[in-house]
Amino acid sequence: MLSSDTAAEDNPKIAGTAAFSKFMVVLQLIADQDEPLSIARLSALSGYPRPTVYRILAALTAEGMVVENPRTRHFELGPRLINLASKSWSRSDVRTAAIDALQQLRDTTRETVHLAVPSDNGMVYIEKLESPQAVRMTSRVGTRVTLYSSSVGKAYLAALDEATRNRLLRSVRMQKFTEHTITDLDVLRAELAVAQQRGYTEDREENEAQIFCVGAPIFGAEGTPVACISVSIPLFRKPAQLQQALIDPLLSTCKLITQKLSGPGR
């Protein structure tokens, strides 16, 4: 007969795993929304009964992972979670290697610069440097964007080997955010093939109306993409000389950071 410890190791649903997974689902739902969520909404989105969601929120609130607005009774990420995340981002090898070059890119283009890393079947911004100009982006560090509608997501997909890319694409559920969002997988594949050749991607109002972005990948020591950078601008500021104004500085920045991460031979 197996000992209790051995049985737990062989059981894919070890004690506490299911409960922890529910906690993570609720946290992710709160993190992914632009506005705080009510218990009713969290119950509907998660599929969990309201009493279950209530218990999860009570535990998360007690630990400072989420906070409740006493007036609206809605929940958002708490200070403890944000503090933990900020420590993780600040210690990230990619962010550390990239920050000086990102600042130079922002100063050169005078536009908003994002650094994003892959997370499951999406991308998460781990750094954002604001444009010094009056009209800026509404995104923030921690924002999650899709692989198919954002320039960083498409840049990541285009830089992957075919097998990995196909596996990710099979898991993507494509939905429209604007009238320009690509929701046809064949159209996306064709665009990624072009992006592979030229080294960068475009988000032509696909993620947010009136916002244009260019993105490119950063490679790690193994030669695989580990992060991506985007330059994001209001559509009315899109320069006539796009290559010179945005794309060339972006590609140079990605190459510089790649060399820091993987050596000058890359």
C-alpha atoms as a PDB file:
ATOM      1  CA  MET A   1       0.000   0.000   0.000  1.00  0.00           C
ATOM      2  CA  LEU A   2       1.267   3.480  -0.790  1.00  0.00           C
ATOM      3  CA  SER A   3       2.064   5.824   2.026  1.00  0.00           C
ATOM      4  CA  SER A   4      -0.059   8.976   2.233  1.00  0.00           C
ATOM      5  CA  ASP A   5       2.892  11.069   1.004  1.00  0.00           C
ATOM      6  CA  THR A   6       3.476   8.817  -2.015  1.00  0.00           C
ATOM      7  CA  ALA A   7      -0.225   8.750  -2.860  1.00  0.00           C
ATOM      8  CA  ALA A   8      -0.361  12.527  -2.763  1.00  0.00           C
ATOM      9  CA  GLU A   9       2.593  12.754  -5.124  1.00  0.00           C
ATOM     10  CA  ASP A  10       0.932  10.358  -7.600  1.00  0.00           C
ATOM     11  CA  ASN A  11      -2.464  12.108  -7.357  1.00  0.00           C
ATOM     12  CA  PRO A  12      -2.657  14.986  -9.876  1.00  0.00           C
ATOM     13  CA  LYS A  13      -5.250  16.653  -7.654  1.00  0.00           C
ATOM     14  CA  ILE A  14      -3.178  16.794  -4.474  1.00  0.00           C
ATOM     15  CA  ALA A  15      -4.819  18.250  -1.416  1.00  0.00           C
ATOM     16  CA  GLY A  16      -5.418  21.972  -1.749  1.00  0.00           C
ATOM     17  CA  THR A  17      -4.769  22.156  -5.484  1.00  0.00           C
ATOM     18  CA  ALA A  18      -8.424  22.498  -6.497  1.00  0.00           C
ATOM     19  CA  ALA A  19      -9.063  25.192  -3.883  1.00  0.00           C
ATOM     20  CA  PHE A  20      -5.937  27.092  -4.894  1.00  0.00           C
ATOM     21  CA  SER A  21      -6.975  26.924  -8.546  1.00  0.00           C
ATOM     22  CA  LYS A  22     -10.294  28.570  -7.667  1.00  0.00           C
ATOM     23  CA  PHE A  23      -8.467  31.350  -5.835  1.00  0.00           C
ATOM     24  CA  MET A  24      -6.305  31.933  -8.900  1.00  0.00           C
ATOM     25  CA  VAL A  25      -9.315  32.002 -11.240  1.00  0.00           C
ATOM     26  CA  VAL A  26     -10.962  34.718  -9.154  1.00  0.00           C
ATOM     27  CA  LEU A  27      -7.743  36.726  -8.895  1.00  0.00           C
ATOM     28  CA  GLN A  28      -7.172  36.492 -12.648  1.00  0.00           C
ATOM     29  CA  LEU A  29     -10.723  37.639 -13.389  1.00  0.00           C
ATOM     30  CA  ILE A  30     -10.267  40.684 -11.160  1.00  0.00           C
ATOM     31  CA  ALA A  31      -6.885  41.455 -12.742  1.00  0.00           C
ATOM     32  CA  ASP A  32      -8.153  41.135 -16.312  1.00  0.00           C
ATOM     33  CA  GLN A  33     -11.065  43.550 -15.975  1.00  0.00           C
ATOM     34  CA  ASP A  34     -10.794  47.304 -16.489  1.00  0.00           C
ATOM     35  CA  GLU A  35     -13.241  47.957 -13.643  1.00  0.00           C
ATOM     36  CA  PRO A  36     -13.782  46.403 -10.173  1.00  0.00           C
ATOM     37  CA  LEU A  37     -16.178  43.439 -10.108  1.00  0.00           C
ATOM     38  CA  SER A  38     -19.137  42.536  -7.892  1.00  0.00           C
ATOM     39  CA  ILE A  39     -19.626  39.128  -6.308  1.00  0.00           C
ATOM     40  CA  ALA A  40     -22.489  38.483  -8.718  1.00  0.00           C
ATOM     41  CA  ARG A  41     -20.325  39.284 -11.731  1.00  0.00           C
ATOM     42  CA  LEU A  42     -17.419  37.190 -10.444  1.00  0.00           C
ATOM     43  CA  SER A  43     -19.799  34.292  -9.870  1.00  0.00           C
ATOM     44  CA  ALA A  44     -21.125  34.584 -13.429  1.00  0.00           C
ATOM     45  CA  LEU A  45     -17.647  34.839 -14.989  1.00  0.00           C
ATOM     46  CA  SER A  46     -16.093  32.044 -12.932  1.00  0.00           C
ATOM     47  CA  GLY A  47     -19.046  29.677 -12.878  1.00  0.00           C
ATOM     48  CA  TYR A  48     -18.638  29.272  -9.114  1.00  0.00           C
ATOM     49  CA  PRO A  49     -21.629  29.614  -6.739  1.00  0.00           C
ATOM     50  CA  ARG A  50     -21.891  32.931  -4.921  1.00  0.00           C
ATOM     51  CA  PRO A  51     -21.124  31.409  -1.489  1.00  0.00           C
ATOM     52  CA  THR A  52     -17.882  29.965  -2.928  1.00  0.00           C
ATOM     53  CA  VAL A  53     -16.897  33.307  -4.446  1.00  0.00           C
ATOM     54  CA  TYR A  54     -17.748  35.049  -1.169  1.00  0.00           C
ATOM     55  CA  ARG A  55     -15.469  32.717   0.811  1.00  0.00           C
ATOM     56  CA  ILE A  56     -12.643  33.152  -1.693  1.00  0.00           C
ATOM     57  CA  LEU A  57     -12.958  36.946  -1.599  1.00  0.00           C
ATOM     58  CA  ALA A  58     -13.051  36.972   2.195  1.00  0.00           C
ATOM     59  CA  ALA A  59      -9.771  35.041   2.344  1.00  0.00           C
ATOM     60  CA  LEU A  60      -8.123  37.167  -0.346  1.00  0.00           C
ATOM     61  CA  THR A  61      -9.252  40.379   1.347  1.00  0.00           C
ATOM     62  CA  ALA A  62      -7.904  39.226   4.712  1.00  0.00           C
ATOM     63  CA  GLU A  63      -4.482  38.721   3.088  1.00  0.00           C
ATOM     64  CA  GLY A  64      -4.531  42.075   1.286  1.00  0.00           C
ATOM     65  CA  MET A  65      -4.633  40.427  -2.137  1.00  0.00           C
ATOM     66  CA  VAL A  66      -7.884  42.176  -3.074  1.00  0.00           C
ATOM     67  CA  VAL A  67      -9.759  45.136  -1.622  1.00  0.00           C
ATOM     68  CA  GLU A  68     -13.476  45.887  -1.481  1.00  0.00           C
ATOM     69  CA  ASN A  69     -14.916  49.314  -2.227  1.00  0.00           C
ATOM     70  CA  PRO A  70     -17.198  49.902   0.786  1.00  0.00           C
ATOM     71  CA  ARG A  71     -19.596  52.015  -1.291  1.00  0.00           C
ATOM     72  CA  THR A  72     -19.998  49.859  -4.413  1.00  0.00           C
ATOM     73  CA  ARG A  73     -19.138  46.475  -2.800  1.00  0.00           C
ATOM     74  CA  HIS A  74     -16.946  45.737  -5.831  1.00  0.00           C
ATOM     75  CA  PHE A  75     -13.493  44.167  -5.672  1.00  0.00           C
ATOM     76  CA  GLU A  76     -10.107  45.061  -7.200  1.00  0.00           C
ATOM     77  CA  LEU A  77      -6.487  44.030  -6.743  1.00  0.00           C
ATOM     78  CA  GLY A  78      -5.078  44.809  -3.329  1.00  0.00           C
ATOM     79  CA  PRO A  79      -1.839  46.462  -2.191  1.00  0.00           C
ATOM     80  CA  ARG A  80      -0.106  43.249  -1.146  1.00  0.00           C
ATOM     81  CA  LEU A  81      -0.540  41.613  -4.551  1.00  0.00           C
ATOM     82  CA  ILE A  82       0.535  44.767  -6.367  1.00  0.00           C
ATOM     83  CA  ASN A  83       3.603  45.012  -4.133  1.00  0.00           C
ATOM     84  CA  LEU A  84       4.557  41.396  -4.835  1.00  0.00           C
ATOM     85  CA  ALA A  85       4.083  41.899  -8.556  1.00  0.00           C
ATOM     86  CA  SER A  86       6.137  45.080  -8.623  1.00  0.00           C
ATOM     87  CA  LYS A  87       9.023  43.291  -6.890  1.00  0.00           C
ATOM     88  CA  SER A  88       8.867  40.515  -9.457  1.00  0.00           C
ATOM     89  CA  TRP A  89       8.856  42.968 -12.373  1.00  0.00           C
ATOM     90  CA  SER A  90      11.683  45.058 -10.927  1.00  0.00           C
ATOM     91  CA  ARG A  91      13.858  41.943 -10.542  1.00  0.00           C
ATOM     92  CA  SER A  92      13.070  40.537 -13.968  1.00  0.00           C
ATOM     93  CA  ASP A  93      16.227  39.854 -15.982  1.00  0.00           C
ATOM     94  CA  VAL A  94      14.448  41.036 -19.114  1.00  0.00           C
ATOM     95  CA  ARG A  95      13.303  44.284 -17.547  1.00  0.00           C
ATOM     96  CA  THR A  96      16.722  44.928 -16.007  1.00  0.00           C
ATOM     97  CA  ALA A  97      18.438  44.343 -19.347  1.00  0.00           C
ATOM     98  CA  ALA A  98      15.873  46.421 -21.209  1.00  0.00           C
ATOM     99  CA  ILE A  99      15.163  49.473 -19.107  1.00  0.00           C
ATOM    100  CA  ASP A 100      17.933  51.788 -20.362  1.00  0.00           C
ATOM    101  CA  ALA A 101      17.249  50.916 -23.984  1.00  0.00           C
ATOM    102  CA  LEU A 102      13.506  51.350 -23.444  1.00  0.00           C
ATOM    103  CA  GLN A 103      14.069  54.821 -22.076  1.00  0.00           C
ATOM    104  CA  GLN A 104      16.201  55.683 -25.090  1.00  0.00           C
ATOM    105  CA  LEU A 105      13.505  54.333 -27.417  1.00  0.00           C
ATOM    106  CA  ARG A 106      10.843  56.416 -25.687  1.00  0.00           C
ATOM    107  CA  ASP A 107      13.006  59.528 -25.885  1.00  0.00           C
ATOM    108  CA  THR A 108      13.822  58.921 -29.553  1.00  0.00           C
ATOM    109  CA  THR A 109      10.252  58.259 -30.693  1.00  0.00           C
ATOM    110  CA  ARG A 110       8.541  60.483 -28.097  1.00  0.00           C
ATOM    111  CA  GLU A 111       5.830  57.849 -27.950  1.00  0.00           C
ATOM    112  CA  THR A 112       4.631  55.302 -25.370  1.00  0.00           C
ATOM    113  CA  VAL A 113       6.764  52.184 -25.083  1.00  0.00           C
ATOM    114  CA  HIS A 114       5.647  48.860 -23.617  1.00  0.00           C
ATOM    115  CA  LEU A 115       7.668  45.794 -22.606  1.00  0.00           C
ATOM    116  CA  ALA A 116       5.570  42.612 -22.510  1.00  0.00           C
ATOM    117  CA  VAL A 117       6.245  38.982 -21.632  1.00  0.00           C
ATOM    118  CA  PRO A 118       4.205  35.891 -22.557  1.00  0.00           C
ATOM    119  CA  SER A 119       1.706  34.601 -20.027  1.00  0.00           C
ATOM    120  CA  ASP A 120      -0.321  31.486 -20.917  1.00  0.00           C
ATOM    121  CA  ASN A 121      -2.089  32.403 -24.171  1.00  0.00           C
ATOM    122  CA  GLY A 122      -1.582  36.165 -23.856  1.00  0.00           C
ATOM    123  CA  MET A 123       0.989  38.855 -23.079  1.00  0.00           C
ATOM    124  CA  VAL A 124       1.408  40.970 -19.943  1.00  0.00           C
ATOM    125  CA  TYR A 125       2.985  44.419 -19.805  1.00  0.00           C
ATOM    126  CA  ILE A 126       5.815  44.474 -17.252  1.00  0.00           C
ATOM    127  CA  GLU A 127       7.023  47.978 -18.109  1.00  0.00           C
ATOM    128  CA  LYS A 128       5.453  51.069 -19.623  1.00  0.00           C
ATOM    129  CA  LEU A 129       7.192  54.343 -20.386  1.00  0.00           C
ATOM    130  CA  GLU A 130       4.774  57.163 -21.159  1.00  0.00           C
ATOM    131  CA  SER A 131       5.010  59.484 -24.111  1.00  0.00           C
ATOM    132  CA  PRO A 132       5.959  63.033 -23.092  1.00  0.00           C
ATOM    133  CA  GLN A 133       3.240  64.279 -25.435  1.00  0.00           C
ATOM    134  CA  ALA A 134      -0.246  65.321 -24.354  1.00  0.00           C
ATOM    135  CA  VAL A 135      -2.318  62.337 -25.593  1.00  0.00           C
ATOM    136  CA  ARG A 136      -1.206  59.107 -23.918  1.00  0.00           C
ATOM    137  CA  MET A 137      -2.195  55.437 -23.697  1.00  0.00           C
ATOM    138  CA  THR A 138      -4.669  54.130 -21.104  1.00  0.00           C
ATOM    139  CA  SER A 139      -2.717  50.902 -20.536  1.00  0.00           C
ATOM    140  CA  ARG A 140      -0.810  50.161 -17.342  1.00  0.00           C
ATOM    141  CA  VAL A 141       1.794  47.744 -16.024  1.00  0.00           C
ATOM    142  CA  GLY A 142       0.010  44.457 -15.455  1.00  0.00           C
ATOM    143  CA  THR A 143      -2.374  44.903 -18.382  1.00  0.00           C
ATOM    144  CA  ARG A 144      -2.979  41.639 -20.229  1.00  0.00           C
ATOM    145  CA  VAL A 145      -3.368  41.721 -24.022  1.00  0.00           C
ATOM    146  CA  THR A 146      -4.112  39.029 -26.576  1.00  0.00           C
ATOM    147  CA  LEU A 147      -1.701  37.279 -28.897  1.00  0.00           C
ATOM    148  CA  TYR A 148      -3.757  37.982 -32.006  1.00  0.00           C
ATOM    149  CA  SER A 149      -4.836  41.624 -31.640  1.00  0.00           C
ATOM    150  CA  SER A 150      -1.805  43.331 -30.097  1.00  0.00           C
ATOM    151  CA  SER A 151       1.493  44.138 -31.778  1.00  0.00           C
ATOM    152  CA  VAL A 152       3.455  42.483 -28.939  1.00  0.00           C
ATOM    153  CA  GLY A 153       1.327  39.350 -29.151  1.00  0.00           C
ATOM    154  CA  LYS A 154       1.690  39.057 -32.900  1.00  0.00           C
ATOM    155  CA  ALA A 155       5.433  39.750 -32.641  1.00  0.00           C
ATOM    156  CA  TYR A 156       5.753  36.909 -30.144  1.00  0.00           C
ATOM    157  CA  LEU A 157       3.779  34.512 -32.337  1.00  0.00           C
ATOM    158  CA  ALA A 158       5.773  35.424 -35.444  1.00  0.00           C
ATOM    159  CA  ALA A 159       9.068  34.736 -33.642  1.00  0.00           C
ATOM    160  CA  LEU A 160       8.092  31.247 -32.446  1.00  0.00           C
ATOM    161  CA  ASP A 161       8.867  28.000 -34.198  1.00  0.00           C
ATOM    162  CA  GLU A 162       5.946  26.668 -36.214  1.00  0.00           C
ATOM    163  CA  ALA A 163       4.992  23.857 -33.834  1.00  0.00           C
ATOM    164  CA  THR A 164       4.844  26.115 -30.776  1.00  0.00           C
ATOM    165  CA  ARG A 165       2.976  28.800 -32.689  1.00  0.00           C
ATOM    166  CA  ASN A 166       0.378  26.309 -33.931  1.00  0.00           C
ATOM    167  CA  ARG A 167      -0.123  24.951 -30.433  1.00  0.00           C
ATOM    168  CA  LEU A 168      -0.798  28.440 -29.086  1.00  0.00           C
ATOM    169  CA  LEU A 169      -3.085  29.365 -31.958  1.00  0.00           C
ATOM    170  CA  ARG A 170      -5.215  26.293 -31.266  1.00  0.00           C
ATOM    171  CA  SER A 171      -5.842  27.601 -27.753  1.00  0.00           C
ATOM    172  CA  VAL A 172      -6.732  31.162 -28.791  1.00  0.00           C
ATOM    173  CA  ARG A 173     -10.385  32.210 -28.801  1.00  0.00           C
ATOM    174  CA  MET A 174     -10.555  35.168 -31.154  1.00  0.00           C
ATOM    175  CA  GLN A 175     -13.061  37.935 -30.448  1.00  0.00           C
ATOM    176  CA  LYS A 176     -13.544  41.379 -31.912  1.00  0.00           C
ATOM    177  CA  PHE A 177     -12.451  44.413 -29.908  1.00  0.00           C
ATOM    178  CA  THR A 178     -12.854  46.875 -32.783  1.00  0.00           C
ATOM    179  CA  GLU A 179     -14.052  46.694 -36.371  1.00  0.00           C
ATOM    180  CA  HIS A 180     -10.412  46.134 -37.377  1.00  0.00           C
ATOM    181  CA  THR A 181      -9.687  43.138 -35.116  1.00  0.00           C
ATOM    182  CA  ILE A 182      -8.537  40.056 -37.030  1.00  0.00           C
ATOM    183  CA  THR A 183     -10.720  37.063 -36.123  1.00  0.00           C
ATOM    184  CA  ASP A 184      -9.907  34.841 -39.110  1.00  0.00           C
ATOM    185  CA  LEU A 185      -7.073  32.434 -38.284  1.00  0.00           C
ATOM    186  CA  ASP A 186      -5.953  32.164 -41.911  1.00  0.00           C
ATOM    187  CA  VAL A 187      -5.670  35.956 -42.186  1.00  0.00           C
ATOM    188  CA  LEU A 188      -3.655  36.028 -38.962  1.00  0.00           C
ATOM    189  CA  ARG A 189      -1.320  33.289 -40.187  1.00  0.00           C
ATOM    190  CA  ALA A 190      -0.692  35.214 -43.418  1.00  0.00           C
ATOM    191  CA  GLU A 191       0.134  38.354 -41.454  1.00  0.00           C
ATOM    192  CA  LEU A 192       2.501  36.440 -39.176  1.00  0.00           C
ATOM    193  CA  ALA A 193       4.324  35.056 -42.211  1.00  0.00           C
ATOM    194  CA  VAL A 194       4.916  38.607 -43.445  1.00  0.00           C
ATOM    195  CA  ALA A 195       6.015  39.674 -39.965  1.00  0.00           C
ATOM    196  CA  GLN A 196       8.586  36.868 -39.845  1.00  0.00           C
ATOM    197  CA  GLN A 197      10.229  38.267 -42.971  1.00  0.00           C
ATOM    198  CA  ARG A 198      10.308  41.918 -41.986  1.00  0.00           C
ATOM    199  CA  GLY A 199      10.933  41.474 -38.241  1.00  0.00           C
ATOM    200  CA  TYR A 200       8.054  43.525 -36.831  1.00  0.00           C
ATOM    201  CA  THR A 201       4.266  43.557 -36.517  1.00  0.00           C
ATOM    202  CA  GLU A 202       1.544  46.172 -36.590  1.00  0.00           C
ATOM    203  CA  ASP A 203      -1.615  46.673 -34.565  1.00  0.00           C
ATOM    204  CA  ARG A 204      -3.821  48.767 -36.828  1.00  0.00           C
ATOM    205  CA  GLU A 205      -6.587  49.728 -34.390  1.00  0.00           C
ATOM    206  CA  GLU A 206      -7.121  46.017 -33.700  1.00  0.00           C
ATOM    207  CA  ASN A 207      -6.875  46.159 -29.930  1.00  0.00           C
ATOM    208  CA  GLU A 208      -8.164  49.677 -29.338  1.00  0.00           C
ATOM    209  CA  ALA A 209      -9.817  52.179 -31.672  1.00  0.00           C
ATOM    210  CA  GLN A 210      -7.622  55.058 -32.853  1.00  0.00           C
ATOM    211  CA  ILE A 211      -4.431  53.424 -31.552  1.00  0.00           C
ATOM    212  CA  PHE A 212      -1.627  52.251 -33.853  1.00  0.00           C
ATOM    213  CA  CYS A 213       1.301  50.140 -32.603  1.00  0.00           C
ATOM    214  CA  VAL A 214       4.399  48.457 -33.940  1.00  0.00           C
ATOM    215  CA  GLY A 215       5.968  45.523 -32.112  1.00  0.00           C
ATOM    216  CA  ALA A 216       9.090  43.370 -32.276  1.00  0.00           C
ATOM    217  CA  PRO A 217      10.551  40.444 -30.306  1.00  0.00           C
ATOM    218  CA  ILE A 218      13.465  40.119 -27.901  1.00  0.00           C
ATOM    219  CA  PHE A 219      15.300  36.776 -27.939  1.00  0.00           C
ATOM    220  CA  GLY A 220      16.955  34.992 -25.042  1.00  0.00           C
ATOM    221  CA  ALA A 221      20.051  32.844 -24.827  1.00  0.00           C
ATOM    222  CA  GLU A 222      18.231  29.840 -26.303  1.00  0.00           C
ATOM    223  CA  GLY A 223      17.279  31.827 -29.406  1.00  0.00           C
ATOM    224  CA  THR A 224      13.603  31.803 -28.506  1.00  0.00           C
ATOM    225  CA  PRO A 225      11.487  34.930 -27.934  1.00  0.00           C
ATOM    226  CA  VAL A 226      11.276  35.912 -24.264  1.00  0.00           C
ATOM    227  CA  ALA A 227       9.610  39.327 -24.512  1.00  0.00           C
ATOM    228  CA  CYS A 228       8.396  41.907 -26.984  1.00  0.00           C
ATOM    229  CA  ILE A 229       8.429  45.687 -27.238  1.00  0.00           C
ATOM    230  CA  SER A 230       5.793  47.927 -28.750  1.00  0.00           C
ATOM    231  CA  VAL A 231       5.668  51.596 -29.620  1.00  0.00           C
ATOM    232  CA  SER A 232       2.084  52.838 -29.357  1.00  0.00           C
ATOM    233  CA  ILE A 233       0.694  56.073 -30.760  1.00  0.00           C
ATOM    234  CA  PRO A 234      -2.647  57.784 -31.320  1.00  0.00           C
ATOM    235  CA  LEU A 235      -3.573  57.263 -34.954  1.00  0.00           C
ATOM    236  CA  PHE A 236      -3.547  60.992 -35.697  1.00  0.00           C
ATOM    237  CA  ARG A 237       0.177  61.106 -34.783  1.00  0.00           C
ATOM    238  CA  LYS A 238       1.142  58.269 -37.134  1.00  0.00           C
ATOM    239  CA  PRO A 239       4.253  59.583 -38.966  1.00  0.00           C
ATOM    240  CA  ALA A 240       4.520  59.671 -42.731  1.00  0.00           C
ATOM    241  CA  GLN A 241       8.016  58.149 -42.476  1.00  0.00           C
ATOM    242  CA  LEU A 242       7.008  55.197 -40.300  1.00  0.00           C
ATOM    243  CA  GLN A 243      10.145  53.139 -40.939  1.00  0.00           C
ATOM    244  CA  GLN A 244      12.526  55.886 -39.922  1.00  0.00           C
ATOM    245  CA  ALA A 245      10.451  57.323 -37.076  1.00  0.00           C
ATOM    246  CA  LEU A 246       9.307  54.163 -35.274  1.00  0.00           C
ATOM    247  CA  ILE A 247      10.319  50.858 -36.858  1.00  0.00           C
ATOM    248  CA  ASP A 248      14.085  51.350 -37.173  1.00  0.00           C
ATOM    249  CA  PRO A 249      14.458  52.581 -33.553  1.00  0.00           C
ATOM    250  CA  LEU A 250      12.273  49.689 -32.353  1.00  0.00           C
ATOM    251  CA  LEU A 251      14.285  47.032 -34.189  1.00  0.00           C
ATOM    252  CA  SER A 252      17.573  48.516 -33.002  1.00  0.00           C
ATOM    253  CA  THR A 253      16.340  48.496 -29.420  1.00  0.00           C
ATOM    254  CA  CYS A 254      15.222  44.863 -29.605  1.00  0.00           C
ATOM    255  CA  LYS A 255      18.555  43.857 -31.123  1.00  0.00           C
ATOM    256  CA  LEU A 256      20.482  45.658 -28.380  1.00  0.00           C
ATOM    257  CA  ILE A 257      18.483  43.990 -25.587  1.00  0.00           C
ATOM    258  CA  THR A 258      18.759  40.592 -27.287  1.00  0.00           C
ATOM    259  CA  GLN A 259      22.542  40.983 -27.328  1.00  0.00           C
ATOM    260  CA  LYS A 260      22.528  41.785 -23.605  1.00  0.00           C
ATOM    261  CA  LEU A 261      20.501  38.661 -22.873  1.00  0.00           C
ATOM    262  CA  SER A 262      22.108  36.195 -25.231  1.00  0.00           C
ATOM    263  CA  GLY A 263      25.482  37.606 -26.239  1.00  0.00           C
ATOM    264  CA  PRO A 264      26.744  39.613 -29.210  1.00  0.00           C
ATOM    265  CA  GLY A 265      26.497  36.686 -31.639  1.00  0.00           C
ATOM    266  CA  ARG A 266      22.723  36.867 -31.729  1.00  0.00           C
END
